[in-house]
Amino acid sequence: DSVKPEDTAVYYCAARVEYYDDYVPRF
């Protein structure tokens, strides 16, 4: 929402196996 010109990019979805529920990986 409220996108800006600096949001212009190719956007990628990525996945990693994470067996610990609730854990959010760092970028």
PDB file of all heavy atoms in Angstrom:
ATOM      1  N   ASP A   1       0.841  -1.196   0.000  1.00  0.00           N
ATOM      2  CA  ASP A   1       0.000   0.000   0.000  1.00  0.00           C
ATOM      3  C   ASP A   1       0.877   1.248   0.000  1.00  0.00           C
ATOM      4  O   ASP A   1       2.033   1.218   0.410  1.00  0.00           O
ATOM      5  CB  ASP A   1      -0.909   0.005   1.229  1.00  0.00           C
ATOM      6  CG  ASP A   1      -1.877  -1.163   1.241  1.00  0.00           C
ATOM      7  OD1 ASP A   1      -2.393  -1.506   0.161  1.00  0.00           O
ATOM      8  OD2 ASP A   1      -2.128  -1.725   2.327  1.00  0.00           O
ATOM      9  N   SER A   2       0.298   2.335  -0.452  1.00  0.00           N
ATOM     10  CA  SER A   2       1.015   3.622  -0.483  1.00  0.00           C
ATOM     11  C   SER A   2       2.393   3.467  -1.110  1.00  0.00           C
ATOM     12  O   SER A   2       3.403   3.911  -0.551  1.00  0.00           O
ATOM     13  CB  SER A   2       1.141   4.188   0.936  1.00  0.00           C
ATOM     14  OG  SER A   2      -0.124   4.339   1.546  1.00  0.00           O
ATOM     15  N   VAL A   3       2.438   2.859  -2.257  1.00  0.00           N
ATOM     16  CA  VAL A   3       3.730   2.574  -2.879  1.00  0.00           C
ATOM     17  C   VAL A   3       4.421   3.874  -3.296  1.00  0.00           C
ATOM     18  O   VAL A   3       3.776   4.896  -3.568  1.00  0.00           O
ATOM     19  CB  VAL A   3       3.584   1.626  -4.081  1.00  0.00           C
ATOM     20  CG1 VAL A   3       3.077   0.263  -3.616  1.00  0.00           C
ATOM     21  CG2 VAL A   3       2.682   2.220  -5.157  1.00  0.00           C
ATOM     22  N   LYS A   4       5.738   3.787  -3.346  1.00  0.00           N
ATOM     23  CA  LYS A   4       6.576   4.931  -3.699  1.00  0.00           C
ATOM     24  C   LYS A   4       7.464   4.555  -4.878  1.00  0.00           C
ATOM     25  O   LYS A   4       7.711   3.363  -5.115  1.00  0.00           O
ATOM     26  CB  LYS A   4       7.463   5.302  -2.510  1.00  0.00           C
ATOM     27  CG  LYS A   4       6.705   5.595  -1.226  1.00  0.00           C
ATOM     28  CD  LYS A   4       7.677   5.842  -0.086  1.00  0.00           C
ATOM     29  CE  LYS A   4       6.944   6.128   1.219  1.00  0.00           C
ATOM     30  NZ  LYS A   4       7.895   6.358   2.350  1.00  0.00           N
ATOM     31  N   PRO A   5       7.985   5.545  -5.596  1.00  0.00           N
ATOM     32  CA  PRO A   5       8.887   5.223  -6.713  1.00  0.00           C
ATOM     33  C   PRO A   5      10.078   4.378  -6.276  1.00  0.00           C
ATOM     34  O   PRO A   5      10.527   3.516  -7.041  1.00  0.00           O
ATOM     35  CB  PRO A   5       9.326   6.605  -7.203  1.00  0.00           C
ATOM     36  CG  PRO A   5       8.171   7.498  -6.868  1.00  0.00           C
ATOM     37  CD  PRO A   5       7.654   6.979  -5.559  1.00  0.00           C
ATOM     38  N   GLU A   6      10.550   4.569  -5.065  1.00  0.00           N
ATOM     39  CA  GLU A   6      11.686   3.774  -4.591  1.00  0.00           C
ATOM     40  C   GLU A   6      11.325   2.316  -4.293  1.00  0.00           C
ATOM     41  O   GLU A   6      12.209   1.518  -3.986  1.00  0.00           O
ATOM     42  CB  GLU A   6      12.312   4.417  -3.344  1.00  0.00           C
ATOM     43  CG  GLU A   6      11.329   4.765  -2.239  1.00  0.00           C
ATOM     44  CD  GLU A   6      10.884   6.226  -2.298  1.00  0.00           C
ATOM     45  OE1 GLU A   6      10.605   6.735  -3.411  1.00  0.00           O
ATOM     46  OE2 GLU A   6      10.795   6.836  -1.211  1.00  0.00           O
ATOM     47  N   ASP A   7      10.073   1.957  -4.405  1.00  0.00           N
ATOM     48  CA  ASP A   7       9.677   0.550  -4.288  1.00  0.00           C
ATOM     49  C   ASP A   7       9.849  -0.189  -5.617  1.00  0.00           C
ATOM     50  O   ASP A   7       9.653  -1.411  -5.662  1.00  0.00           O
ATOM     51  CB  ASP A   7       8.212   0.437  -3.840  1.00  0.00           C
ATOM     52  CG  ASP A   7       7.989   0.960  -2.440  1.00  0.00           C
ATOM     53  OD1 ASP A   7       8.869   0.765  -1.571  1.00  0.00           O
ATOM     54  OD2 ASP A   7       6.930   1.585  -2.205  1.00  0.00           O
ATOM     55  N   THR A   8      10.194   0.510  -6.662  1.00  0.00           N
ATOM     56  CA  THR A   8      10.407  -0.109  -7.966  1.00  0.00           C
ATOM     57  C   THR A   8      11.545  -1.117  -7.895  1.00  0.00           C
ATOM     58  O   THR A   8      12.652  -0.791  -7.478  1.00  0.00           O
ATOM     59  CB  THR A   8      10.730   0.959  -9.022  1.00  0.00           C
ATOM     60  OG1 THR A   8       9.581   1.808  -9.185  1.00  0.00           O
ATOM     61  CG2 THR A   8      11.080   0.318 -10.360  1.00  0.00           C
ATOM     62  N   ALA A   9      11.253  -2.356  -8.281  1.00  0.00           N
ATOM     63  CA  ALA A   9      12.245  -3.430  -8.211  1.00  0.00           C
ATOM     64  C   ALA A   9      11.631  -4.713  -8.746  1.00  0.00           C
ATOM     65  O   ALA A   9      10.411  -4.784  -8.959  1.00  0.00           O
ATOM     66  CB  ALA A   9      12.701  -3.644  -6.768  1.00  0.00           C
ATOM     67  N   VAL A  10      12.478  -5.705  -8.910  1.00  0.00           N
ATOM     68  CA  VAL A  10      11.994  -7.067  -9.111  1.00  0.00           C
ATOM     69  C   VAL A  10      11.827  -7.683  -7.724  1.00  0.00           C
ATOM     70  O   VAL A  10      12.755  -7.637  -6.905  1.00  0.00           O
ATOM     71  CB  VAL A  10      12.964  -7.907  -9.949  1.00  0.00           C
ATOM     72  CG1 VAL A  10      12.455  -9.340 -10.077  1.00  0.00           C
ATOM     73  CG2 VAL A  10      13.158  -7.283 -11.331  1.00  0.00           C
ATOM     74  N   TYR A  11      10.648  -8.222  -7.476  1.00  0.00           N
ATOM     75  CA  TYR A  11      10.332  -8.803  -6.166  1.00  0.00           C
ATOM     76  C   TYR A  11      10.382 -10.318  -6.255  1.00  0.00           C
ATOM     77  O   TYR A  11       9.806 -10.921  -7.167  1.00  0.00           O
ATOM     78  CB  TYR A  11       8.950  -8.341  -5.711  1.00  0.00           C
ATOM     79  CG  TYR A  11       8.954  -6.929  -5.183  1.00  0.00           C
ATOM     80  CD1 TYR A  11       9.107  -5.847  -6.047  1.00  0.00           C
ATOM     81  CD2 TYR A  11       8.831  -6.671  -3.823  1.00  0.00           C
ATOM     82  CE1 TYR A  11       9.147  -4.544  -5.564  1.00  0.00           C
ATOM     83  CE2 TYR A  11       8.864  -5.372  -3.323  1.00  0.00           C
ATOM     84  CZ  TYR A  11       9.028  -4.320  -4.210  1.00  0.00           C
ATOM     85  OH  TYR A  11       9.070  -3.032  -3.730  1.00  0.00           O
ATOM     86  N   TYR A  12      11.073 -10.911  -5.281  1.00  0.00           N
ATOM     87  CA  TYR A  12      11.259 -12.346  -5.232  1.00  0.00           C
ATOM     88  C   TYR A  12      10.648 -12.929  -3.961  1.00  0.00           C
ATOM     89  O   TYR A  12      10.777 -12.352  -2.887  1.00  0.00           O
ATOM     90  CB  TYR A  12      12.744 -12.694  -5.248  1.00  0.00           C
ATOM     91  CG  TYR A  12      13.478 -12.248  -6.480  1.00  0.00           C
ATOM     92  CD1 TYR A  12      14.118 -11.009  -6.529  1.00  0.00           C
ATOM     93  CD2 TYR A  12      13.556 -13.073  -7.601  1.00  0.00           C
ATOM     94  CE1 TYR A  12      14.803 -10.599  -7.657  1.00  0.00           C
ATOM     95  CE2 TYR A  12      14.241 -12.664  -8.733  1.00  0.00           C
ATOM     96  CZ  TYR A  12      14.856 -11.431  -8.757  1.00  0.00           C
ATOM     97  OH  TYR A  12      15.527 -11.026  -9.876  1.00  0.00           O
ATOM     98  N   CYS A  13      10.056 -14.085  -4.127  1.00  0.00           N
ATOM     99  CA  CYS A  13       9.585 -14.871  -3.000  1.00  0.00           C
ATOM    100  C   CYS A  13      10.645 -15.941  -2.722  1.00  0.00           C
ATOM    101  O   CYS A  13      11.201 -16.522  -3.657  1.00  0.00           O
ATOM    102  CB  CYS A  13       8.249 -15.504  -3.381  1.00  0.00           C
ATOM    103  SG  CYS A  13       7.611 -16.706  -2.221  1.00  0.00           S
ATOM    104  N   ALA A  14      10.921 -16.193  -1.461  1.00  0.00           N
ATOM    105  CA  ALA A  14      11.922 -17.185  -1.091  1.00  0.00           C
ATOM    106  C   ALA A  14      11.436 -17.988   0.107  1.00  0.00           C
ATOM    107  O   ALA A  14      10.608 -17.515   0.892  1.00  0.00           O
ATOM    108  CB  ALA A  14      13.253 -16.514  -0.765  1.00  0.00           C
ATOM    109  N   ALA A  15      11.980 -19.188   0.236  1.00  0.00           N
ATOM    110  CA  ALA A  15      11.551 -20.076   1.324  1.00  0.00           C
ATOM    111  C   ALA A  15      12.747 -20.788   1.938  1.00  0.00           C
ATOM    112  O   ALA A  15      13.739 -21.059   1.260  1.00  0.00           O
ATOM    113  CB  ALA A  15      10.548 -21.103   0.810  1.00  0.00           C
ATOM    114  N   ARG A  16      12.641 -21.060   3.213  1.00  0.00           N
ATOM    115  CA  ARG A  16      13.639 -21.872   3.898  1.00  0.00           C
ATOM    116  C   ARG A  16      12.916 -22.756   4.900  1.00  0.00           C
ATOM    117  O   ARG A  16      11.908 -22.358   5.506  1.00  0.00           O
ATOM    118  CB  ARG A  16      14.686 -21.020   4.612  1.00  0.00           C
ATOM    119  CG  ARG A  16      14.140 -20.014   5.599  1.00  0.00           C
ATOM    120  CD  ARG A  16      15.260 -19.358   6.397  1.00  0.00           C
ATOM    121  NE  ARG A  16      15.671 -20.168   7.532  1.00  0.00           N
ATOM    122  CZ  ARG A  16      16.935 -20.372   7.877  1.00  0.00           C
ATOM    123  NH1 ARG A  16      17.910 -19.845   7.161  1.00  0.00           N
ATOM    124  NH2 ARG A  16      17.229 -21.096   8.941  1.00  0.00           N
ATOM    125  N   VAL A  17      13.420 -23.946   5.068  1.00  0.00           N
ATOM    126  CA  VAL A  17      12.830 -24.866   6.030  1.00  0.00           C
ATOM    127  C   VAL A  17      13.036 -24.296   7.427  1.00  0.00           C
ATOM    128  O   VAL A  17      14.142 -23.878   7.778  1.00  0.00           O
ATOM    129  CB  VAL A  17      13.465 -26.266   5.921  1.00  0.00           C
ATOM    130  CG1 VAL A  17      12.933 -27.161   7.033  1.00  0.00           C
ATOM    131  CG2 VAL A  17      13.169 -26.875   4.562  1.00  0.00           C
ATOM    132  N   GLU A  18      11.970 -24.276   8.191  1.00  0.00           N
ATOM    133  CA  GLU A  18      12.037 -23.762   9.548  1.00  0.00           C
ATOM    134  C   GLU A  18      11.143 -24.607  10.442  1.00  0.00           C
ATOM    135  O   GLU A  18       9.925 -24.485  10.413  1.00  0.00           O
ATOM    136  CB  GLU A  18      11.605 -22.301   9.578  1.00  0.00           C
ATOM    137  CG  GLU A  18      11.892 -21.578  10.885  1.00  0.00           C
ATOM    138  CD  GLU A  18      13.338 -21.754  11.300  1.00  0.00           C
ATOM    139  OE1 GLU A  18      14.219 -21.168  10.661  1.00  0.00           O
ATOM    140  OE2 GLU A  18      13.586 -22.484  12.292  1.00  0.00           O
ATOM    141  N   TYR A  19      11.781 -25.463  11.242  1.00  0.00           N
ATOM    142  CA  TYR A  19      11.012 -26.386  12.073  1.00  0.00           C
ATOM    143  C   TYR A  19      10.555 -25.764  13.393  1.00  0.00           C
ATOM    144  O   TYR A  19       9.722 -26.333  14.093  1.00  0.00           O
ATOM    145  CB  TYR A  19      11.827 -27.643  12.346  1.00  0.00           C
ATOM    146  CG  TYR A  19      12.034 -28.491  11.101  1.00  0.00           C
ATOM    147  CD1 TYR A  19      13.307 -28.679  10.575  1.00  0.00           C
ATOM    148  CD2 TYR A  19      10.953 -29.075  10.462  1.00  0.00           C
ATOM    149  CE1 TYR A  19      13.497 -29.440   9.435  1.00  0.00           C
ATOM    150  CE2 TYR A  19      11.135 -29.842   9.321  1.00  0.00           C
ATOM    151  CZ  TYR A  19      12.409 -30.030   8.816  1.00  0.00           C
ATOM    152  OH  TYR A  19      12.587 -30.781   7.693  1.00  0.00           O
ATOM    153  N   TYR A  20      11.102 -24.577  13.715  1.00  0.00           N
ATOM    154  CA  TYR A  20      10.697 -23.919  14.954  1.00  0.00           C
ATOM    155  C   TYR A  20       9.508 -23.012  14.671  1.00  0.00           C
ATOM    156  O   TYR A  20       9.640 -21.994  13.980  1.00  0.00           O
ATOM    157  CB  TYR A  20      11.857 -23.116  15.534  1.00  0.00           C
ATOM    158  CG  TYR A  20      12.994 -23.978  16.000  1.00  0.00           C
ATOM    159  CD1 TYR A  20      14.112 -24.183  15.213  1.00  0.00           C
ATOM    160  CD2 TYR A  20      12.935 -24.601  17.250  1.00  0.00           C
ATOM    161  CE1 TYR A  20      15.149 -24.990  15.635  1.00  0.00           C
ATOM    162  CE2 TYR A  20      13.971 -25.409  17.688  1.00  0.00           C
ATOM    163  CZ  TYR A  20      15.074 -25.600  16.872  1.00  0.00           C
ATOM    164  OH  TYR A  20      16.098 -26.397  17.306  1.00  0.00           O
ATOM    165  N   ASP A  21       8.375 -23.381  15.204  1.00  0.00           N
ATOM    166  CA  ASP A  21       7.186 -22.556  15.020  1.00  0.00           C
ATOM    167  C   ASP A  21       7.415 -21.175  15.601  1.00  0.00           C
ATOM    168  O   ASP A  21       8.115 -21.013  16.598  1.00  0.00           O
ATOM    169  CB  ASP A  21       5.981 -23.196  15.713  1.00  0.00           C
ATOM    170  CG  ASP A  21       5.524 -24.455  15.003  1.00  0.00           C
ATOM    171  OD1 ASP A  21       5.960 -24.687  13.861  1.00  0.00           O
ATOM    172  OD2 ASP A  21       4.723 -25.204  15.592  1.00  0.00           O
ATOM    173  N   ASP A  22       6.822 -20.195  14.975  1.00  0.00           N
ATOM    174  CA  ASP A  22       6.863 -18.803  15.413  1.00  0.00           C
ATOM    175  C   ASP A  22       8.184 -18.096  15.104  1.00  0.00           C
ATOM    176  O   ASP A  22       8.286 -16.898  15.310  1.00  0.00           O
ATOM    177  CB  ASP A  22       6.597 -18.657  16.921  1.00  0.00           C
ATOM    178  CG  ASP A  22       5.204 -19.120  17.312  1.00  0.00           C
ATOM    179  OD1 ASP A  22       4.306 -19.019  16.458  1.00  0.00           O
ATOM    180  OD2 ASP A  22       5.030 -19.574  18.457  1.00  0.00           O
ATOM    181  N   TYR A  23       9.178 -18.817  14.633  1.00  0.00           N
ATOM    182  CA  TYR A  23      10.467 -18.174  14.369  1.00  0.00           C
ATOM    183  C   TYR A  23      10.441 -17.468  13.012  1.00  0.00           C
ATOM    184  O   TYR A  23      10.064 -18.055  12.000  1.00  0.00           O
ATOM    185  CB  TYR A  23      11.596 -19.192  14.384  1.00  0.00           C
ATOM    186  CG  TYR A  23      12.944 -18.578  14.083  1.00  0.00           C
ATOM    187  CD1 TYR A  23      13.577 -17.763  15.023  1.00  0.00           C
ATOM    188  CD2 TYR A  23      13.595 -18.809  12.873  1.00  0.00           C
ATOM    189  CE1 TYR A  23      14.811 -17.182  14.747  1.00  0.00           C
ATOM    190  CE2 TYR A  23      14.821 -18.237  12.589  1.00  0.00           C
ATOM    191  CZ  TYR A  23      15.420 -17.429  13.533  1.00  0.00           C
ATOM    192  OH  TYR A  23      16.634 -16.860  13.255  1.00  0.00           O
ATOM    193  N   VAL A  24      10.869 -16.223  13.007  1.00  0.00           N
ATOM    194  CA  VAL A  24      10.971 -15.459  11.765  1.00  0.00           C
ATOM    195  C   VAL A  24      12.450 -15.303  11.430  1.00  0.00           C
ATOM    196  O   VAL A  24      13.190 -14.673  12.184  1.00  0.00           O
ATOM    197  CB  VAL A  24      10.336 -14.062  11.898  1.00  0.00           C
ATOM    198  CG1 VAL A  24      10.390 -13.320  10.563  1.00  0.00           C
ATOM    199  CG2 VAL A  24       8.894 -14.185  12.372  1.00  0.00           C
ATOM    200  N   PRO A  25      12.893 -15.852  10.336  1.00  0.00           N
ATOM    201  CA  PRO A  25      14.313 -15.745   9.982  1.00  0.00           C
ATOM    202  C   PRO A  25      14.723 -14.300   9.728  1.00  0.00           C
ATOM    203  O   PRO A  25      13.913 -13.470   9.313  1.00  0.00           O
ATOM    204  CB  PRO A  25      14.427 -16.563   8.690  1.00  0.00           C
ATOM    205  CG  PRO A  25      13.204 -17.403   8.649  1.00  0.00           C
ATOM    206  CD  PRO A  25      12.141 -16.636   9.345  1.00  0.00           C
ATOM    207  N   ARG A  26      15.976 -14.028   9.981  1.00  0.00           N
ATOM    208  CA  ARG A  26      16.526 -12.726   9.605  1.00  0.00           C
ATOM    209  C   ARG A  26      16.708 -12.679   8.095  1.00  0.00           C
ATOM    210  O   ARG A  26      16.815 -13.712   7.428  1.00  0.00           O
ATOM    211  CB  ARG A  26      17.866 -12.504  10.284  1.00  0.00           C
ATOM    212  CG  ARG A  26      17.762 -12.386  11.793  1.00  0.00           C
ATOM    213  CD  ARG A  26      19.106 -11.947  12.367  1.00  0.00           C
ATOM    214  NE  ARG A  26      19.059 -11.783  13.806  1.00  0.00           N
ATOM    215  CZ  ARG A  26      19.380 -12.717  14.673  1.00  0.00           C
ATOM    216  NH1 ARG A  26      19.796 -13.888  14.236  1.00  0.00           N
ATOM    217  NH2 ARG A  26      19.309 -12.488  15.962  1.00  0.00           N
ATOM    218  N   PHE A  27      16.764 -11.500   7.544  1.00  0.00           N
ATOM    219  CA  PHE A  27      16.901 -11.368   6.098  1.00  0.00           C
ATOM    220  C   PHE A  27      18.225 -11.953   5.598  1.00  0.00           C
ATOM    221  O   PHE A  27      18.312 -12.390   4.454  1.00  0.00           O
ATOM    222  CB  PHE A  27      16.815  -9.901   5.689  1.00  0.00           C
ATOM    223  CG  PHE A  27      15.457  -9.295   5.891  1.00  0.00           C
ATOM    224  CD1 PHE A  27      15.313  -8.098   6.575  1.00  0.00           C
ATOM    225  CD2 PHE A  27      14.317  -9.904   5.391  1.00  0.00           C
ATOM    226  CE1 PHE A  27      14.064  -7.536   6.775  1.00  0.00           C
ATOM    227  CE2 PHE A  27      13.057  -9.347   5.584  1.00  0.00           C
ATOM    228  CZ  PHE A  27      12.934  -8.151   6.281  1.00  0.00           C
TER     229      PHE A  27
END
